[in-house]
Every structure is written in C-alpha cells, then in structure tokens.
N, C-alpha and C. Protein backbone atom coordinates (compact mmCIF):
# COMPACT_ATOMS: atom_id res chain seq x y z
N UNK A 1 94.45 63.71 106.00
CA UNK A 1 93.41 64.58 106.50
C UNK A 1 92.70 63.84 107.63
N UNK A 2 92.57 64.47 108.78
CA UNK A 2 91.90 63.84 109.90
C UNK A 2 90.40 63.95 109.74
N UNK A 3 89.67 63.17 110.53
CA UNK A 3 88.22 63.15 110.43
C UNK A 3 87.62 64.52 110.73
N UNK A 4 88.29 65.32 111.56
CA UNK A 4 87.74 66.63 111.94
C UNK A 4 88.13 67.75 110.99
N UNK A 5 89.13 67.53 110.18
CA UNK A 5 89.55 68.62 109.30
C UNK A 5 88.65 68.69 108.07
N UNK A 6 88.60 69.86 107.49
CA UNK A 6 87.80 70.09 106.30
C UNK A 6 88.71 70.65 105.23
N UNK A 7 88.43 70.32 103.98
CA UNK A 7 89.25 70.90 102.93
C UNK A 7 89.07 72.41 102.86
N UNK A 8 90.06 73.07 102.27
CA UNK A 8 90.00 74.50 102.06
C UNK A 8 89.35 74.71 100.69
N UNK A 9 88.21 75.39 100.68
CA UNK A 9 87.47 75.65 99.45
C UNK A 9 87.45 77.16 99.22
N UNK A 10 87.72 77.56 97.99
CA UNK A 10 87.75 78.99 97.68
C UNK A 10 87.39 79.22 96.22
N UNK A 11 87.00 80.45 95.95
CA UNK A 11 86.86 80.94 94.59
C UNK A 11 87.93 82.00 94.41
N UNK A 12 88.67 81.89 93.34
CA UNK A 12 89.64 82.94 93.00
C UNK A 12 89.01 83.76 91.88
N UNK A 13 88.80 85.06 92.15
CA UNK A 13 88.26 85.94 91.12
C UNK A 13 89.44 86.60 90.39
N UNK A 14 89.43 86.47 89.07
CA UNK A 14 90.54 86.95 88.25
C UNK A 14 89.93 87.77 87.11
N UNK A 15 90.30 89.05 87.04
CA UNK A 15 89.75 89.95 86.02
C UNK A 15 90.82 90.36 85.03
N UNK A 16 90.48 90.20 83.76
CA UNK A 16 91.42 90.53 82.69
C UNK A 16 91.47 92.03 82.42
N UNK A 17 92.64 92.51 82.03
CA UNK A 17 92.76 93.85 81.50
C UNK A 17 91.99 93.91 80.18
N UNK A 18 91.56 95.10 79.78
CA UNK A 18 90.91 95.22 78.47
C UNK A 18 91.80 94.61 77.38
N UNK A 19 91.19 93.90 76.49
CA UNK A 19 91.86 93.26 75.35
C UNK A 19 92.79 92.11 75.76
N UNK A 20 92.76 91.66 77.00
CA UNK A 20 93.61 90.56 77.46
C UNK A 20 92.78 89.34 77.87
N UNK A 21 91.48 89.35 77.58
CA UNK A 21 90.58 88.27 77.98
C UNK A 21 91.07 86.91 77.48
N UNK A 22 91.33 86.82 76.18
CA UNK A 22 91.75 85.53 75.61
C UNK A 22 93.07 85.06 76.18
N UNK A 23 94.02 85.97 76.35
CA UNK A 23 95.32 85.61 76.91
C UNK A 23 95.17 85.12 78.34
N UNK A 24 94.30 85.78 79.13
CA UNK A 24 94.09 85.34 80.50
C UNK A 24 93.39 83.98 80.52
N UNK A 25 92.42 83.79 79.66
CA UNK A 25 91.73 82.51 79.61
C UNK A 25 92.72 81.38 79.28
N UNK A 26 93.60 81.62 78.32
CA UNK A 26 94.62 80.62 77.98
C UNK A 26 95.55 80.34 79.15
N UNK A 27 95.94 81.38 79.87
CA UNK A 27 96.84 81.21 81.02
C UNK A 27 96.15 80.42 82.13
N UNK A 28 94.86 80.70 82.37
CA UNK A 28 94.13 79.95 83.40
C UNK A 28 93.95 78.50 82.98
N UNK A 29 93.64 78.28 81.72
CA UNK A 29 93.47 76.92 81.22
C UNK A 29 94.76 76.11 81.35
N UNK A 30 95.89 76.76 81.12
CA UNK A 30 97.18 76.08 81.24
C UNK A 30 97.48 75.65 82.67
N UNK A 31 96.86 76.29 83.65
CA UNK A 31 97.08 75.92 85.06
C UNK A 31 96.31 74.68 85.48
N UNK A 32 95.27 74.33 84.76
CA UNK A 32 94.35 73.28 85.22
C UNK A 32 95.05 71.94 85.40
N UNK A 33 95.65 71.41 84.37
CA UNK A 33 96.23 70.06 84.45
C UNK A 33 97.32 69.95 85.52
N UNK A 34 98.33 70.84 85.53
CA UNK A 34 99.36 70.69 86.57
C UNK A 34 98.82 70.94 87.98
N UNK A 35 97.83 71.81 88.12
CA UNK A 35 97.27 72.07 89.45
C UNK A 35 96.51 70.86 89.95
N UNK A 36 95.70 70.26 89.09
CA UNK A 36 94.94 69.07 89.48
C UNK A 36 95.85 67.90 89.80
N UNK A 37 97.06 67.89 89.24
CA UNK A 37 98.01 66.81 89.50
C UNK A 37 98.69 66.95 90.86
N UNK A 38 98.56 68.10 91.50
CA UNK A 38 99.19 68.29 92.81
C UNK A 38 98.49 67.40 93.84
N UNK A 39 99.28 66.82 94.75
CA UNK A 39 98.75 65.89 95.73
C UNK A 39 97.63 66.44 96.60
N UNK A 40 97.65 67.71 96.94
CA UNK A 40 96.64 68.28 97.84
C UNK A 40 95.46 68.92 97.14
N UNK A 41 95.38 68.78 95.81
CA UNK A 41 94.30 69.41 95.04
C UNK A 41 93.15 68.44 94.85
N UNK A 42 91.95 68.85 95.26
CA UNK A 42 90.75 68.05 95.05
C UNK A 42 89.93 68.59 93.88
N UNK A 43 90.05 69.89 93.59
CA UNK A 43 89.28 70.50 92.51
C UNK A 43 89.98 71.78 92.08
N UNK A 44 90.02 72.00 90.77
CA UNK A 44 90.60 73.23 90.22
C UNK A 44 89.90 73.45 88.88
N UNK A 45 88.84 74.25 88.90
CA UNK A 45 87.99 74.41 87.72
C UNK A 45 87.73 75.88 87.44
N UNK A 46 88.17 76.37 86.28
CA UNK A 46 87.91 77.78 85.93
C UNK A 46 86.54 77.96 85.28
N UNK A 47 85.95 79.12 85.53
CA UNK A 47 84.67 79.52 84.96
C UNK A 47 84.79 80.97 84.52
N UNK A 48 84.00 81.36 83.52
CA UNK A 48 83.92 82.76 83.14
C UNK A 48 82.53 83.27 83.47
N UNK A 49 82.47 84.46 84.04
CA UNK A 49 81.20 85.08 84.40
C UNK A 49 80.48 85.46 83.11
N UNK A 50 79.31 84.88 82.88
CA UNK A 50 78.58 85.10 81.63
C UNK A 50 78.24 86.57 81.40
N UNK A 51 77.83 87.25 82.46
CA UNK A 51 77.41 88.63 82.30
C UNK A 51 78.56 89.62 82.29
N UNK A 52 79.78 89.12 82.47
CA UNK A 52 80.95 90.00 82.50
C UNK A 52 82.15 89.29 81.89
N UNK A 53 82.17 89.15 80.56
CA UNK A 53 83.30 88.48 79.92
C UNK A 53 84.63 89.10 80.34
N UNK A 54 85.60 88.22 80.59
CA UNK A 54 86.90 88.68 81.07
C UNK A 54 87.04 88.59 82.57
N UNK A 55 85.94 88.27 83.26
CA UNK A 55 86.01 88.00 84.69
C UNK A 55 85.87 86.50 84.87
N UNK A 56 86.87 85.93 85.49
CA UNK A 56 86.92 84.48 85.68
C UNK A 56 86.90 84.16 87.16
N UNK A 57 86.34 83.01 87.47
CA UNK A 57 86.38 82.46 88.82
C UNK A 57 87.00 81.07 88.71
N UNK A 58 87.91 80.77 89.59
CA UNK A 58 88.47 79.43 89.65
C UNK A 58 88.00 78.82 90.96
N UNK A 59 87.23 77.72 90.83
CA UNK A 59 86.78 76.99 92.03
C UNK A 59 87.92 76.06 92.42
N UNK A 60 88.41 76.24 93.64
CA UNK A 60 89.56 75.48 94.12
C UNK A 60 89.22 74.78 95.41
N UNK A 61 89.63 73.53 95.51
CA UNK A 61 89.48 72.79 96.77
C UNK A 61 90.82 72.13 97.05
N UNK A 62 91.37 72.47 98.22
CA UNK A 62 92.68 71.98 98.64
C UNK A 62 92.54 71.20 99.93
N UNK A 63 93.43 70.27 100.16
CA UNK A 63 93.39 69.46 101.38
C UNK A 63 93.48 70.35 102.62
N UNK A 64 94.29 71.40 102.54
CA UNK A 64 94.50 72.30 103.67
C UNK A 64 95.29 73.52 103.20
N UNK A 65 95.58 74.42 104.10
CA UNK A 65 96.33 75.63 103.75
C UNK A 65 97.71 75.30 103.22
N UNK A 66 98.33 74.26 103.75
CA UNK A 66 99.67 73.87 103.27
C UNK A 66 99.62 73.47 101.80
N UNK A 67 98.56 72.80 101.38
CA UNK A 67 98.42 72.40 99.97
C UNK A 67 98.26 73.63 99.08
N UNK A 68 97.48 74.62 99.54
CA UNK A 68 97.33 75.86 98.78
C UNK A 68 98.65 76.62 98.72
N UNK A 69 99.36 76.69 99.84
CA UNK A 69 100.67 77.36 99.86
C UNK A 69 101.64 76.68 98.90
N UNK A 70 101.62 75.34 98.88
CA UNK A 70 102.47 74.59 97.96
C UNK A 70 102.13 74.96 96.52
N UNK A 71 100.82 75.00 96.21
CA UNK A 71 100.36 75.34 94.86
C UNK A 71 100.89 76.71 94.43
N UNK A 72 100.80 77.67 95.32
CA UNK A 72 101.22 79.03 94.97
C UNK A 72 102.73 79.14 94.76
N UNK A 73 103.48 78.15 95.24
CA UNK A 73 104.94 78.14 95.08
C UNK A 73 105.40 77.29 93.90
N UNK A 74 104.48 76.59 93.23
CA UNK A 74 104.87 75.72 92.12
C UNK A 74 105.37 76.53 90.93
N UNK A 75 106.21 75.93 90.12
CA UNK A 75 106.68 76.64 88.92
C UNK A 75 105.55 77.07 87.98
N UNK A 76 104.51 76.24 87.83
CA UNK A 76 103.43 76.62 86.92
C UNK A 76 102.64 77.82 87.45
N UNK A 77 102.41 77.89 88.76
CA UNK A 77 101.70 79.06 89.29
C UNK A 77 102.61 80.29 89.29
N UNK A 78 103.88 80.11 89.59
CA UNK A 78 104.81 81.24 89.58
C UNK A 78 104.98 81.81 88.17
N UNK A 79 104.93 80.96 87.14
CA UNK A 79 104.99 81.46 85.76
C UNK A 79 103.74 82.30 85.46
N UNK A 80 102.59 81.87 85.97
CA UNK A 80 101.37 82.66 85.82
C UNK A 80 101.49 83.98 86.59
N UNK A 81 101.97 83.91 87.81
CA UNK A 81 102.12 85.11 88.65
C UNK A 81 103.05 86.13 87.99
N UNK A 82 104.03 85.67 87.25
CA UNK A 82 104.95 86.59 86.56
C UNK A 82 104.24 87.40 85.48
N UNK A 83 103.04 86.96 85.09
CA UNK A 83 102.28 87.65 84.04
C UNK A 83 101.14 88.51 84.60
N UNK A 84 101.03 88.62 85.91
CA UNK A 84 99.92 89.37 86.51
C UNK A 84 99.82 90.79 85.95
N UNK A 85 100.94 91.51 85.92
CA UNK A 85 100.90 92.90 85.46
C UNK A 85 100.41 93.00 84.01
N UNK A 86 100.81 92.05 83.21
CA UNK A 86 100.42 92.02 81.79
C UNK A 86 98.93 91.69 81.61
N UNK A 87 98.41 90.78 82.43
CA UNK A 87 97.08 90.22 82.19
C UNK A 87 95.95 90.77 83.06
N UNK A 88 96.25 91.11 84.31
CA UNK A 88 95.20 91.37 85.29
C UNK A 88 94.85 92.84 85.45
N UNK A 89 93.56 93.10 85.51
CA UNK A 89 93.07 94.46 85.74
C UNK A 89 93.17 94.84 87.21
N UNK A 90 93.23 93.84 88.08
CA UNK A 90 93.31 94.05 89.53
C UNK A 90 93.90 92.79 90.15
N UNK A 91 94.36 92.87 91.38
CA UNK A 91 94.90 91.66 92.03
C UNK A 91 93.84 90.55 92.11
N UNK A 92 94.32 89.31 92.08
CA UNK A 92 93.41 88.17 92.28
C UNK A 92 92.78 88.30 93.65
N UNK A 93 91.50 88.03 93.71
CA UNK A 93 90.80 88.02 95.00
C UNK A 93 90.45 86.57 95.33
N UNK A 94 91.04 86.05 96.40
CA UNK A 94 90.74 84.70 96.85
C UNK A 94 89.60 84.79 97.86
N UNK A 95 88.49 84.16 97.55
CA UNK A 95 87.29 84.23 98.37
C UNK A 95 87.13 82.88 99.07
N UNK A 96 87.49 82.79 100.36
CA UNK A 96 87.36 81.52 101.07
C UNK A 96 85.89 81.21 101.34
N UNK A 97 85.55 79.95 101.27
CA UNK A 97 84.17 79.52 101.47
C UNK A 97 84.09 78.51 102.61
N UNK A 98 82.94 78.50 103.26
CA UNK A 98 82.65 77.51 104.30
C UNK A 98 81.39 76.79 103.87
N UNK A 99 81.45 75.47 103.86
CA UNK A 99 80.28 74.69 103.48
C UNK A 99 79.19 74.86 104.53
N UNK A 100 77.98 75.06 104.07
CA UNK A 100 76.84 75.19 104.96
C UNK A 100 76.37 73.79 105.31
N UNK A 101 76.34 73.45 106.60
CA UNK A 101 75.91 72.10 106.98
C UNK A 101 74.45 71.88 106.57
N UNK A 102 74.21 70.71 106.05
CA UNK A 102 72.85 70.34 105.65
C UNK A 102 72.52 68.98 106.24
N UNK A 103 71.26 68.75 106.43
CA UNK A 103 70.79 67.46 106.90
C UNK A 103 70.06 66.81 105.74
N UNK A 104 70.53 65.66 105.36
CA UNK A 104 69.89 64.94 104.29
C UNK A 104 68.98 63.89 104.90
N UNK A 105 67.71 63.96 104.52
CA UNK A 105 66.77 62.98 105.04
C UNK A 105 66.48 61.97 103.95
N UNK A 106 66.36 60.74 104.36
CA UNK A 106 66.06 59.66 103.42
C UNK A 106 64.60 59.78 102.99
N UNK A 107 64.37 59.59 101.70
CA UNK A 107 63.01 59.61 101.22
C UNK A 107 62.53 58.18 101.05
N UNK A 108 61.26 57.98 101.21
CA UNK A 108 60.71 56.64 101.07
C UNK A 108 60.84 56.16 99.63
N UNK A 109 61.17 54.90 99.47
CA UNK A 109 61.28 54.31 98.15
C UNK A 109 59.90 54.17 97.55
N UNK A 110 59.64 54.79 96.37
CA UNK A 110 58.29 54.74 95.81
C UNK A 110 57.88 53.35 95.33
N UNK A 111 58.81 52.42 95.23
CA UNK A 111 58.49 51.08 94.73
C UNK A 111 57.79 50.22 95.75
C-alpha cells in the first residue's frame, strides 16, 4: 500500500429471510476466520442491528479493491454466496465508506 492510498472500508448489510436469522448468523460467523486470514483483510467484523433482529452489518476493511475482489472469489465466500437464495431476504448491500478527515490536537499534560 502506498502512502497515498487508503484502505477500502465498507459495511455489508445482510438481511435474513423470515425464520432464517440463526442460519444466516451462523453462515456469517463462519466467514470471519477465513476472511480475516486473507492477506488484504484488515477488519471483518459482523454485527446485528439491535432494533431489527435478522439484519446484520459486516464491517470490512480491505487493502484495496483487488483484495475485496479476491475475497469475493474465495471458496469460503463462494460457499456463502451459493446460499443467498436460501438465507437472504434481499441482495447484500455493500455500503462504501470514506473516512472523514479529523485534526487531532495535543492536549496539555495535567501533571
């Protein structure tokens, strides 16, 4: 990664079909370890929306688009993709994010 490049950060929204919440949660959990082991993966963490059980978000950070493309072609992701019709109420929505630049100012040491 060059000094000017930024990682690709996204949220994947994944919604379970009725009565498929647990199966989808298990499928998402099974993706964590092999996805995190991929060379271009910096973060792969699933969450469930508290106010809407069965709606999951996966926070993903990849080195670049090539790393995400590689992930989507892996056997573990393709095995998950083969279950989309069975598990998902709608297609996965990948929500790309851009970090908001912030300026951090040093605070005086109280000591």
